[in-house]
Protein backbone atom coordinates (compact mmCIF):
# COMPACT_ATOMS: atom_id res chain seq x y z
CA MET A 1 -9.70 -22.81 -19.40
CA SER A 2 -11.30 -22.12 -16.02
CA ARG A 3 -12.02 -18.62 -14.86
CA ARG A 4 -11.08 -17.54 -11.37
CA THR A 5 -13.76 -15.79 -9.36
CA PRO A 6 -12.49 -12.38 -8.20
CA ARG A 7 -11.87 -12.21 -4.46
CA ALA A 8 -13.77 -9.53 -2.58
CA GLY A 9 -11.84 -6.73 -0.90
CA THR A 10 -8.21 -5.76 -1.06
CA PRO A 11 -5.26 -7.93 -0.08
CA ALA A 12 -5.11 -5.98 3.20
CA THR A 13 -8.78 -6.52 4.09
CA ARG A 14 -8.59 -10.19 3.12
CA ALA A 15 -5.57 -10.61 5.43
CA LEU A 16 -7.46 -8.93 8.29
CA GLU A 17 -10.44 -11.21 7.77
CA GLN A 18 -8.30 -14.34 7.52
CA ALA A 19 -6.51 -13.40 10.76
CA ARG A 20 -9.88 -12.61 12.36
CA ILE A 21 -8.73 -9.09 13.26
CA PRO A 22 -11.66 -6.78 13.99
CA HIS A 23 -11.76 -3.86 11.58
CA THR A 24 -14.17 -1.37 10.06
CA LEU A 25 -14.28 -0.27 6.44
CA HIS A 26 -15.03 3.41 5.88
CA ALA A 27 -16.50 4.22 2.47
CA TYR A 28 -16.31 7.65 0.88
CA PRO A 29 -17.18 9.01 -2.56
CA HIS A 30 -14.02 9.13 -4.70
CA ASP A 31 -13.39 12.48 -6.38
CA PRO A 32 -11.78 11.83 -9.77
CA ARG A 33 -10.33 15.37 -9.66
CA ALA A 34 -8.55 14.87 -6.32
CA ARG A 35 -5.23 14.13 -8.06
CA ASP A 36 -5.61 17.41 -9.99
CA ARG A 37 -5.81 19.13 -6.59
CA GLY A 38 -2.55 17.49 -5.53
CA LEU A 39 -4.07 14.83 -3.27
CA SER A 40 -2.90 11.23 -3.22
CA TYR A 41 -5.54 8.53 -2.85
CA GLY A 42 -4.73 8.22 0.86
CA GLN A 43 -4.82 11.97 1.45
CA GLU A 44 -8.16 12.13 -0.37
CA ALA A 45 -9.55 9.37 1.88
CA ALA A 46 -8.30 11.04 5.06
CA GLN A 47 -9.79 14.37 3.99
CA ALA A 48 -13.13 12.90 2.89
CA LEU A 49 -13.46 10.95 6.15
CA ASP A 50 -12.22 13.86 8.29
CA LEU A 51 -9.39 11.74 9.71
CA ASP A 52 -5.84 12.62 10.71
CA PRO A 53 -3.61 11.50 7.78
CA ALA A 54 -1.16 10.10 10.34
CA ARG A 55 -3.87 7.55 11.32
CA VAL A 56 -4.75 6.47 7.78
CA PHE A 57 -2.37 3.94 6.26
CA LYS A 58 -1.31 3.00 2.76
CA THR A 59 0.24 -0.24 1.58
CA LEU A 60 3.15 0.14 -0.80
CA VAL A 61 4.74 -2.56 -2.90
CA ALA A 62 8.51 -2.47 -3.35
CA LEU A 63 11.25 -4.69 -4.67
CA VAL A 64 13.95 -5.50 -2.12
CA ASP A 65 16.94 -7.03 -3.85
CA GLY A 66 14.59 -8.10 -6.65
CA SER A 67 11.90 -9.69 -4.43
CA LEU A 68 8.46 -8.21 -3.77
CA ALA A 69 7.85 -6.71 -0.34
CA VAL A 70 4.98 -4.75 1.20
CA ALA A 71 5.31 -1.75 3.50
CA VAL A 72 2.56 -0.11 5.55
CA VAL A 73 3.03 3.60 6.28
CA PRO A 74 0.79 6.54 7.22
CA VAL A 75 -0.49 8.50 4.21
CA SER A 76 1.18 11.56 5.74
CA ALA A 77 4.63 9.94 5.38
CA ARG A 78 6.96 8.74 2.67
CA LEU A 79 8.46 5.27 2.63
CA ASP A 80 12.15 5.19 3.52
CA LEU A 81 13.43 2.66 0.99
CA LYS A 82 16.81 2.26 2.72
CA ALA A 83 15.07 1.49 6.02
CA LEU A 84 12.75 -1.00 4.28
CA ALA A 85 15.70 -2.83 2.72
CA ALA A 86 17.50 -2.93 6.07
CA ALA A 87 14.38 -4.14 7.92
CA LEU A 88 14.09 -7.07 5.52
CA GLY A 89 17.80 -7.86 5.51
CA GLY A 90 18.31 -6.53 2.01
CA LYS A 91 20.68 -4.05 0.43
CA ARG A 92 18.50 -2.08 -2.02
CA ALA A 93 14.81 -1.30 -2.39
CA VAL A 94 12.90 0.41 -5.20
CA MET A 95 9.21 1.04 -5.57
CA ALA A 96 7.63 -1.76 -7.60
CA GLU A 97 5.76 0.78 -9.74
CA THR A 98 9.11 2.27 -10.75
CA ALA A 99 10.58 -1.14 -11.53
CA ALA A 100 7.48 -2.07 -13.56
CA GLY A 101 7.51 1.24 -15.45
CA CYS A 102 4.11 2.30 -14.07
CA PRO A 103 3.24 5.98 -13.61
CA ASP A 104 3.21 7.20 -10.00
CA GLY A 105 0.09 5.99 -8.21
CA ASP A 106 -0.60 3.08 -10.55
CA THR A 107 -0.61 -0.43 -9.19
CA VAL A 108 1.43 -3.51 -9.91
CA PRO A 109 0.11 -7.10 -9.96
CA ASP A 110 -1.36 -8.23 -6.64
CA PRO A 111 1.53 -9.36 -4.41
CA GLY A 112 -1.06 -10.83 -2.03
CA SER A 113 -1.35 -13.84 -4.31
CA ARG A 114 1.92 -15.21 -2.91
CA ARG A 115 3.82 -14.98 0.36
CA THR A 116 5.35 -11.50 0.43
CA PRO A 117 7.53 -10.09 3.21
CA ALA A 118 6.02 -7.07 4.94
CA ALA A 119 7.56 -4.43 7.14
CA ASP A 120 6.31 -1.69 9.36
CA GLY A 121 8.25 0.60 11.58
CA PRO A 122 9.39 4.15 12.00
CA ASP A 123 8.66 6.31 9.00
CA ARG A 124 10.42 9.41 7.83
CA ASP A 125 8.70 12.37 6.20
């Protein structure tokens, strides 16, 4: 059995590189107690980097009518699942973590390994 070499970066950074879109990565020291203080990973990053949370984005994986989809929203906002479903021509969307039975904030298998519809657009707090 052959072993696959892990790809560097996240699905989002790999997509930026493949599309040759200029970007800058901003590293910060992760505080393992940030969640205890009520901060999401994105909110922690915005705070640590002294950035407006409306300008820091998170990628969320959802299921739209049973198919994986990716949404990009500011960390200061919540994903409107009805709007996501409508944007992708679907009827119903649920967070993939919920469908997979993962606790809030956990991740699901990398949807970047296959073609996955993505949506951006107006967000609602």
